[in-house]
Every structure is written in C-alpha cells, then in structure tokens.
Amino acid sequence: MTAQDILKEDVSDFASRLEAMTSDEVFAAMSSLEKHSEDDVDDREETLSRIALVEDEIERRFPGQKLASYRDWKQDQPLL
C-alpha cells in the first residue's frame, strides 16, 4: 500500500482498517508514510496525521515499547 493510497482513504476508514491489519501491514504503512513525509509534498500535514494514527496503533499493540517493534522490523527489511 502506498502513501498516496492511504492519504486518499477516509481517515475513519483507515483507522478502522489499521485495527484489522497484521503487524507487518501496519509497519509497512508506517514506512510508506514516513518516506512520503520526507518528500517535498503539499499534503505533509495530512501525512503526519496519518503517521500519528499508525503510531497509536503500534503503541496499542506493543504497549510501553515506544515504537521499538517498528524500528526492529525496519532493520530486518532488506530493501528499506
């Protein structure tokens, strides 16, 4: 899923879908949004709000880890 796909989706639909995603899917969405936020784009605020939603979902799944599970996942990805 690309950042553009995520940003086109209604916020409430995306938030609901996050709950049903696997951890790998959540982490991939976060990675895609992070990369997009680093580009010179007009939708930076919207991108950052979606990143916050994903961060909340990661914290809900891995309480107290401060995104350590995401950072570990990212290190294990050969193409990131």
PDB file of N, CA and C in Angstrom:
ATOM      1  N   MET A   1       0.844  -1.172   0.000  1.00  0.00           N
ATOM      2  CA  MET A   1       0.000   0.000   0.000  1.00  0.00           C
ATOM      3  C   MET A   1       0.893   1.240   0.000  1.00  0.00           C
ATOM      4  N   THR A   2       0.611   2.122  -0.899  1.00  0.00           N
ATOM      5  CA  THR A   2       1.414   3.334  -0.989  1.00  0.00           C
ATOM      6  C   THR A   2       0.839   4.434  -0.098  1.00  0.00           C
ATOM      7  N   ALA A   3       1.663   5.426   0.175  1.00  0.00           N
ATOM      8  CA  ALA A   3       1.213   6.560   0.975  1.00  0.00           C
ATOM      9  C   ALA A   3       0.056   7.263   0.276  1.00  0.00           C
ATOM     10  N   GLN A   4       0.118   7.366  -1.051  1.00  0.00           N
ATOM     11  CA  GLN A   4      -0.965   8.020  -1.791  1.00  0.00           C
ATOM     12  C   GLN A   4      -2.293   7.288  -1.591  1.00  0.00           C
ATOM     13  N   ASP A   5      -2.256   5.961  -1.575  1.00  0.00           N
ATOM     14  CA  ASP A   5      -3.469   5.177  -1.328  1.00  0.00           C
ATOM     15  C   ASP A   5      -4.013   5.467   0.069  1.00  0.00           C
ATOM     16  N   ILE A   6      -3.118   5.515   1.031  1.00  0.00           N
ATOM     17  CA  ILE A   6      -3.520   5.777   2.416  1.00  0.00           C
ATOM     18  C   ILE A   6      -4.119   7.169   2.541  1.00  0.00           C
ATOM     19  N   LEU A   7      -3.514   8.144   1.895  1.00  0.00           N
ATOM     20  CA  LEU A   7      -3.977   9.527   2.013  1.00  0.00           C
ATOM     21  C   LEU A   7      -5.300   9.764   1.294  1.00  0.00           C
ATOM     22  N   LYS A   8      -5.616   8.969   0.284  1.00  0.00           N
ATOM     23  CA  LYS A   8      -6.888   9.096  -0.429  1.00  0.00           C
ATOM     24  C   LYS A   8      -8.048   8.532   0.385  1.00  0.00           C
ATOM     25  N   GLU A   9      -7.731   7.610   1.279  1.00  0.00           N
ATOM     26  CA  GLU A   9      -8.752   6.925   2.061  1.00  0.00           C
ATOM     27  C   GLU A   9      -9.289   7.836   3.168  1.00  0.00           C
ATOM     28  N   ASP A  10     -10.572   7.719   3.441  1.00  0.00           N
ATOM     29  CA  ASP A  10     -11.186   8.460   4.536  1.00  0.00           C
ATOM     30  C   ASP A  10     -10.470   8.110   5.850  1.00  0.00           C
ATOM     31  N   VAL A  11     -10.242   9.098   6.692  1.00  0.00           N
ATOM     32  CA  VAL A  11      -9.490   8.893   7.931  1.00  0.00           C
ATOM     33  C   VAL A  11     -10.132   7.819   8.809  1.00  0.00           C
ATOM     34  N   SER A  12     -11.434   7.882   8.980  1.00  0.00           N
ATOM     35  CA  SER A  12     -12.098   6.897   9.844  1.00  0.00           C
ATOM     36  C   SER A  12     -12.010   5.488   9.255  1.00  0.00           C
ATOM     37  N   ASP A  13     -12.085   5.376   7.926  1.00  0.00           N
ATOM     38  CA  ASP A  13     -11.931   4.066   7.294  1.00  0.00           C
ATOM     39  C   ASP A  13     -10.516   3.534   7.497  1.00  0.00           C
ATOM     40  N   PHE A  14      -9.537   4.409   7.346  1.00  0.00           N
ATOM     41  CA  PHE A  14      -8.145   3.994   7.543  1.00  0.00           C
ATOM     42  C   PHE A  14      -7.918   3.558   8.986  1.00  0.00           C
ATOM     43  N   ALA A  15      -8.440   4.312   9.940  1.00  0.00           N
ATOM     44  CA  ALA A  15      -8.277   3.961  11.353  1.00  0.00           C
ATOM     45  C   ALA A  15      -8.906   2.602  11.650  1.00  0.00           C
ATOM     46  N   SER A  16     -10.065   2.342  11.089  1.00  0.00           N
ATOM     47  CA  SER A  16     -10.728   1.044  11.282  1.00  0.00           C
ATOM     48  C   SER A  16      -9.925  -0.081  10.646  1.00  0.00           C
ATOM     49  N   ARG A  17      -9.412   0.185   9.454  1.00  0.00           N
ATOM     50  CA  ARG A  17      -8.630  -0.829   8.756  1.00  0.00           C
ATOM     51  C   ARG A  17      -7.330  -1.149   9.483  1.00  0.00           C
ATOM     52  N   LEU A  18      -6.739  -0.140  10.119  1.00  0.00           N
ATOM     53  CA  LEU A  18      -5.500  -0.371  10.870  1.00  0.00           C
ATOM     54  C   LEU A  18      -5.682  -1.463  11.916  1.00  0.00           C
ATOM     55  N   GLU A  19      -6.833  -1.453  12.573  1.00  0.00           N
ATOM     56  CA  GLU A  19      -7.098  -2.437  13.618  1.00  0.00           C
ATOM     57  C   GLU A  19      -7.097  -3.861  13.081  1.00  0.00           C
ATOM     58  N   ALA A  20      -7.498  -4.021  11.831  1.00  0.00           N
ATOM     59  CA  ALA A  20      -7.580  -5.359  11.238  1.00  0.00           C
ATOM     60  C   ALA A  20      -6.290  -5.809  10.555  1.00  0.00           C
ATOM     61  N   MET A  21      -5.350  -4.897  10.371  1.00  0.00           N
ATOM     62  CA  MET A  21      -4.094  -5.229   9.680  1.00  0.00           C
ATOM     63  C   MET A  21      -3.194  -6.092  10.553  1.00  0.00           C
ATOM     64  N   THR A  22      -2.366  -6.873   9.882  1.00  0.00           N
ATOM     65  CA  THR A  22      -1.321  -7.587  10.606  1.00  0.00           C
ATOM     66  C   THR A  22      -0.262  -6.572  11.031  1.00  0.00           C
ATOM     67  N   SER A  23       0.602  -6.966  11.928  1.00  0.00           N
ATOM     68  CA  SER A  23       1.678  -6.065  12.357  1.00  0.00           C
ATOM     69  C   SER A  23       2.565  -5.676  11.184  1.00  0.00           C
ATOM     70  N   ASP A  24       2.868  -6.630  10.309  1.00  0.00           N
ATOM     71  CA  ASP A  24       3.684  -6.318   9.134  1.00  0.00           C
ATOM     72  C   ASP A  24       3.013  -5.277   8.246  1.00  0.00           C
ATOM     73  N   GLU A  25       1.710  -5.381   8.080  1.00  0.00           N
ATOM     74  CA  GLU A  25       0.982  -4.407   7.269  1.00  0.00           C
ATOM     75  C   GLU A  25       0.997  -3.027   7.914  1.00  0.00           C
ATOM     76  N   VAL A  26       0.846  -2.991   9.230  1.00  0.00           N
ATOM     77  CA  VAL A  26       0.893  -1.716   9.952  1.00  0.00           C
ATOM     78  C   VAL A  26       2.277  -1.087   9.804  1.00  0.00           C
ATOM     79  N   PHE A  27       3.311  -1.899   9.975  1.00  0.00           N
ATOM     80  CA  PHE A  27       4.680  -1.390   9.856  1.00  0.00           C
ATOM     81  C   PHE A  27       4.965  -0.913   8.431  1.00  0.00           C
ATOM     82  N   ALA A  28       4.467  -1.634   7.434  1.00  0.00           N
ATOM     83  CA  ALA A  28       4.670  -1.236   6.038  1.00  0.00           C
ATOM     84  C   ALA A  28       3.957   0.085   5.752  1.00  0.00           C
ATOM     85  N   ALA A  29       2.772   0.265   6.313  1.00  0.00           N
ATOM     86  CA  ALA A  29       2.048   1.531   6.145  1.00  0.00           C
ATOM     87  C   ALA A  29       2.835   2.670   6.777  1.00  0.00           C
ATOM     88  N   MET A  30       3.383   2.426   7.945  1.00  0.00           N
ATOM     89  CA  MET A  30       4.185   3.447   8.625  1.00  0.00           C
ATOM     90  C   MET A  30       5.413   3.804   7.792  1.00  0.00           C
ATOM     91  N   SER A  31       6.081   2.823   7.262  1.00  0.00           N
ATOM     92  CA  SER A  31       7.269   3.059   6.454  1.00  0.00           C
ATOM     93  C   SER A  31       6.923   3.879   5.211  1.00  0.00           C
ATOM     94  N   SER A  32       5.844   3.521   4.561  1.00  0.00           N
ATOM     95  CA  SER A  32       5.409   4.234   3.366  1.00  0.00           C
ATOM     96  C   SER A  32       5.087   5.692   3.686  1.00  0.00           C
ATOM     97  N   LEU A  33       4.375   5.917   4.772  1.00  0.00           N
ATOM     98  CA  LEU A  33       4.030   7.284   5.168  1.00  0.00           C
ATOM     99  C   LEU A  33       5.263   8.084   5.564  1.00  0.00           C
ATOM    100  N   GLU A  34       6.195   7.452   6.264  1.00  0.00           N
ATOM    101  CA  GLU A  34       7.427   8.146   6.650  1.00  0.00           C
ATOM    102  C   GLU A  34       8.203   8.606   5.415  1.00  0.00           C
ATOM    103  N   LYS A  35       8.349   7.713   4.454  1.00  0.00           N
ATOM    104  CA  LYS A  35       9.069   8.073   3.227  1.00  0.00           C
ATOM    105  C   LYS A  35       8.368   9.221   2.508  1.00  0.00           C
ATOM    106  N   HIS A  36       7.053   9.159   2.451  1.00  0.00           N
ATOM    107  CA  HIS A  36       6.284  10.208   1.789  1.00  0.00           C
ATOM    108  C   HIS A  36       6.452  11.549   2.514  1.00  0.00           C
ATOM    109  N   SER A  37       6.513  11.511   3.826  1.00  0.00           N
ATOM    110  CA  SER A  37       6.630  12.752   4.605  1.00  0.00           C
ATOM    111  C   SER A  37       7.968  13.439   4.377  1.00  0.00           C
ATOM    112  N   GLU A  38       8.955  12.687   3.943  1.00  0.00           N
ATOM    113  CA  GLU A  38      10.276  13.257   3.687  1.00  0.00           C
ATOM    114  C   GLU A  38      10.363  13.939   2.322  1.00  0.00           C
ATOM    115  N   ASP A  39       9.396  13.658   1.464  1.00  0.00           N
ATOM    116  CA  ASP A  39       9.350  14.302   0.147  1.00  0.00           C
ATOM    117  C   ASP A  39       8.811  15.714   0.286  1.00  0.00           C
ATOM    118  N   ASP A  40       9.045  16.515  -0.720  1.00  0.00           N
ATOM    119  CA  ASP A  40       8.522  17.880  -0.748  1.00  0.00           C
ATOM    120  C   ASP A  40       7.100  17.817  -1.300  1.00  0.00           C
ATOM    121  N   VAL A  41       6.139  17.606  -0.411  1.00  0.00           N
ATOM    122  CA  VAL A  41       4.752  17.414  -0.818  1.00  0.00           C
ATOM    123  C   VAL A  41       3.842  18.459  -0.174  1.00  0.00           C
ATOM    124  N   ASP A  42       2.713  18.669  -0.798  1.00  0.00           N
ATOM    125  CA  ASP A  42       1.734  19.629  -0.278  1.00  0.00           C
ATOM    126  C   ASP A  42       0.868  19.042   0.835  1.00  0.00           C
ATOM    127  N   ASP A  43       0.843  17.732   0.952  1.00  0.00           N
ATOM    128  CA  ASP A  43      -0.034  17.087   1.928  1.00  0.00           C
ATOM    129  C   ASP A  43       0.705  16.632   3.194  1.00  0.00           C
ATOM    130  N   ARG A  44       1.738  17.369   3.548  1.00  0.00           N
ATOM    131  CA  ARG A  44       2.560  16.976   4.702  1.00  0.00           C
ATOM    132  C   ARG A  44       1.745  16.867   5.996  1.00  0.00           C
ATOM    133  N   GLU A  45       0.857  17.835   6.256  1.00  0.00           N
ATOM    134  CA  GLU A  45       0.050  17.807   7.489  1.00  0.00           C
ATOM    135  C   GLU A  45      -0.844  16.576   7.530  1.00  0.00           C
ATOM    136  N   GLU A  46      -1.464  16.257   6.410  1.00  0.00           N
ATOM    137  CA  GLU A  46      -2.310  15.066   6.341  1.00  0.00           C
ATOM    138  C   GLU A  46      -1.470  13.807   6.541  1.00  0.00           C
ATOM    139  N   THR A  47      -0.295  13.790   5.950  1.00  0.00           N
ATOM    140  CA  THR A  47       0.607  12.647   6.105  1.00  0.00           C
ATOM    141  C   THR A  47       0.995  12.474   7.564  1.00  0.00           C
ATOM    142  N   LEU A  48       1.343  13.562   8.223  1.00  0.00           N
ATOM    143  CA  LEU A  48       1.735  13.491   9.634  1.00  0.00           C
ATOM    144  C   LEU A  48       0.578  13.035  10.525  1.00  0.00           C
ATOM    145  N   SER A  49      -0.639  13.427  10.174  1.00  0.00           N
ATOM    146  CA  SER A  49      -1.786  12.969  10.973  1.00  0.00           C
ATOM    147  C   SER A  49      -2.009  11.470  10.805  1.00  0.00           C
ATOM    148  N   ARG A  50      -1.761  10.952   9.600  1.00  0.00           N
ATOM    149  CA  ARG A  50      -1.888   9.502   9.382  1.00  0.00           C
ATOM    150  C   ARG A  50      -0.765   8.753  10.103  1.00  0.00           C
ATOM    151  N   ILE A  51       0.420   9.339  10.116  1.00  0.00           N
ATOM    152  CA  ILE A  51       1.528   8.734  10.860  1.00  0.00           C
ATOM    153  C   ILE A  51       1.157   8.627  12.337  1.00  0.00           C
ATOM    154  N   ALA A  52       0.531   9.663  12.878  1.00  0.00           N
ATOM    155  CA  ALA A  52       0.112   9.644  14.283  1.00  0.00           C
ATOM    156  C   ALA A  52      -0.883   8.519  14.540  1.00  0.00           C
ATOM    157  N   LEU A  53      -1.803   8.282  13.602  1.00  0.00           N
ATOM    158  CA  LEU A  53      -2.753   7.175  13.752  1.00  0.00           C
ATOM    159  C   LEU A  53      -2.026   5.833  13.800  1.00  0.00           C
ATOM    160  N   VAL A  54      -1.051   5.669  12.907  1.00  0.00           N
ATOM    161  CA  VAL A  54      -0.301   4.408  12.869  1.00  0.00           C
ATOM    162  C   VAL A  54       0.528   4.252  14.148  1.00  0.00           C
ATOM    163  N   GLU A  55       1.133   5.334  14.613  1.00  0.00           N
ATOM    164  CA  GLU A  55       1.887   5.279  15.864  1.00  0.00           C
ATOM    165  C   GLU A  55       0.988   4.845  17.015  1.00  0.00           C
ATOM    166  N   ASP A  56      -0.221   5.381  17.071  1.00  0.00           N
ATOM    167  CA  ASP A  56      -1.171   4.988  18.116  1.00  0.00           C
ATOM    168  C   ASP A  56      -1.492   3.502  18.046  1.00  0.00           C
ATOM    169  N   GLU A  57      -1.664   2.987  16.827  1.00  0.00           N
ATOM    170  CA  GLU A  57      -1.967   1.563  16.664  1.00  0.00           C
ATOM    171  C   GLU A  57      -0.781   0.700  17.093  1.00  0.00           C
ATOM    172  N   ILE A  58       0.426   1.116  16.749  1.00  0.00           N
ATOM    173  CA  ILE A  58       1.610   0.359  17.156  1.00  0.00           C
ATOM    174  C   ILE A  58       1.731   0.371  18.687  1.00  0.00           C
ATOM    175  N   GLU A  59       1.505   1.517  19.298  1.00  0.00           N
ATOM    176  CA  GLU A  59       1.581   1.617  20.761  1.00  0.00           C
ATOM    177  C   GLU A  59       0.499   0.761  21.417  1.00  0.00           C
ATOM    178  N   ARG A  60      -0.671   0.694  20.806  1.00  0.00           N
ATOM    179  CA  ARG A  60      -1.744  -0.140  21.350  1.00  0.00           C
ATOM    180  C   ARG A  60      -1.340  -1.617  21.320  1.00  0.00           C
ATOM    181  N   ARG A  61      -0.697  -2.020  20.231  1.00  0.00           N
ATOM    182  CA  ARG A  61      -0.291  -3.426  20.093  1.00  0.00           C
ATOM    183  C   ARG A  61       0.939  -3.784  20.912  1.00  0.00           C
ATOM    184  N   PHE A  62       1.828  -2.837  21.078  1.00  0.00           N
ATOM    185  CA  PHE A  62       3.092  -3.074  21.775  1.00  0.00           C
ATOM    186  C   PHE A  62       3.264  -2.003  22.855  1.00  0.00           C
ATOM    187  N   PRO A  63       2.459  -2.071  23.904  1.00  0.00           N
ATOM    188  CA  PRO A  63       2.466  -1.008  24.918  1.00  0.00           C
ATOM    189  C   PRO A  63       3.823  -0.849  25.595  1.00  0.00           C
ATOM    190  N   GLY A  64       4.202   0.411  25.782  1.00  0.00           N
ATOM    191  CA  GLY A  64       5.429   0.736  26.501  1.00  0.00           C
ATOM    192  C   GLY A  64       6.711   0.552  25.716  1.00  0.00           C
ATOM    193  N   GLN A  65       6.635   0.159  24.461  1.00  0.00           N
ATOM    194  CA  GLN A  65       7.850  -0.099  23.697  1.00  0.00           C
ATOM    195  C   GLN A  65       8.333   1.101  22.883  1.00  0.00           C
ATOM    196  N   LYS A  66       7.556   2.166  22.851  1.00  0.00           N
ATOM    197  CA  LYS A  66       7.946   3.392  22.153  1.00  0.00           C
ATOM    198  C   LYS A  66       8.447   3.126  20.730  1.00  0.00           C
ATOM    199  N   LEU A  67       7.671   2.389  19.982  1.00  0.00           N
ATOM    200  CA  LEU A  67       7.942   2.076  18.574  1.00  0.00           C
ATOM    201  C   LEU A  67       9.177   1.197  18.358  1.00  0.00           C
ATOM    202  N   ALA A  68       9.694   0.586  19.414  1.00  0.00           N
ATOM    203  CA  ALA A  68      10.857  -0.302  19.262  1.00  0.00           C
ATOM    204  C   ALA A  68      10.544  -1.458  18.319  1.00  0.00           C
ATOM    205  N   SER A  69       9.330  -1.973  18.376  1.00  0.00           N
ATOM    206  CA  SER A  69       8.964  -3.090  17.496  1.00  0.00           C
ATOM    207  C   SER A  69       9.008  -2.656  16.028  1.00  0.00           C
ATOM    208  N   TYR A  70       8.612  -1.429  15.756  1.00  0.00           N
ATOM    209  CA  TYR A  70       8.670  -0.907  14.384  1.00  0.00           C
ATOM    210  C   TYR A  70      10.125  -0.718  13.952  1.00  0.00           C
ATOM    211  N   ARG A  71      10.941  -0.168  14.810  1.00  0.00           N
ATOM    212  CA  ARG A  71      12.362   0.032  14.465  1.00  0.00           C
ATOM    213  C   ARG A  71      13.046  -1.312  14.221  1.00  0.00           C
ATOM    214  N   ASP A  72      12.724  -2.307  15.030  1.00  0.00           N
ATOM    215  CA  ASP A  72      13.286  -3.648  14.822  1.00  0.00           C
ATOM    216  C   ASP A  72      12.839  -4.211  13.475  1.00  0.00           C
ATOM    217  N   TRP A  73      11.567  -4.052  13.159  1.00  0.00           N
ATOM    218  CA  TRP A  73      11.037  -4.530  11.885  1.00  0.00           C
ATOM    219  C   TRP A  73      11.758  -3.850  10.732  1.00  0.00           C
ATOM    220  N   LYS A  74      11.935  -2.557  10.853  1.00  0.00           N
ATOM    221  CA  LYS A  74      12.582  -1.776   9.798  1.00  0.00           C
ATOM    222  C   LYS A  74      14.017  -2.247   9.544  1.00  0.00           C
ATOM    223  N   GLN A  75      14.728  -2.585  10.595  1.00  0.00           N
ATOM    224  CA  GLN A  75      16.106  -3.063  10.446  1.00  0.00           C
ATOM    225  C   GLN A  75      16.147  -4.414   9.738  1.00  0.00           C
ATOM    226  N   ASP A  76      15.100  -5.208   9.902  1.00  0.00           N
ATOM    227  CA  ASP A  76      15.057  -6.541   9.302  1.00  0.00           C
ATOM    228  C   ASP A  76      14.635  -6.523   7.833  1.00  0.00           C
ATOM    229  N   GLN A  77      14.216  -5.365   7.326  1.00  0.00           N
ATOM    230  CA  GLN A  77      13.768  -5.251   5.944  1.00  0.00           C
ATOM    231  C   GLN A  77      14.970  -4.957   5.033  1.00  0.00           C
ATOM    232  N   PRO A  78      15.272  -5.853   4.122  1.00  0.00           N
ATOM    233  CA  PRO A  78      16.471  -5.670   3.289  1.00  0.00           C
ATOM    234  C   PRO A  78      16.387  -4.500   2.297  1.00  0.00           C
ATOM    235  N   LEU A  79      15.200  -4.115   1.876  1.00  0.00           N
ATOM    236  CA  LEU A  79      15.088  -3.091   0.840  1.00  0.00           C
ATOM    237  C   LEU A  79      14.701  -1.727   1.372  1.00  0.00           C
ATOM    238  N   LEU A  80      14.602  -1.562   2.673  1.00  0.00           N
ATOM    239  CA  LEU A  80      14.196  -0.279   3.227  1.00  0.00           C
ATOM    240  C   LEU A  80      15.383   0.546   3.527  1.00  0.00           C
TER     241      LEU A  80
END
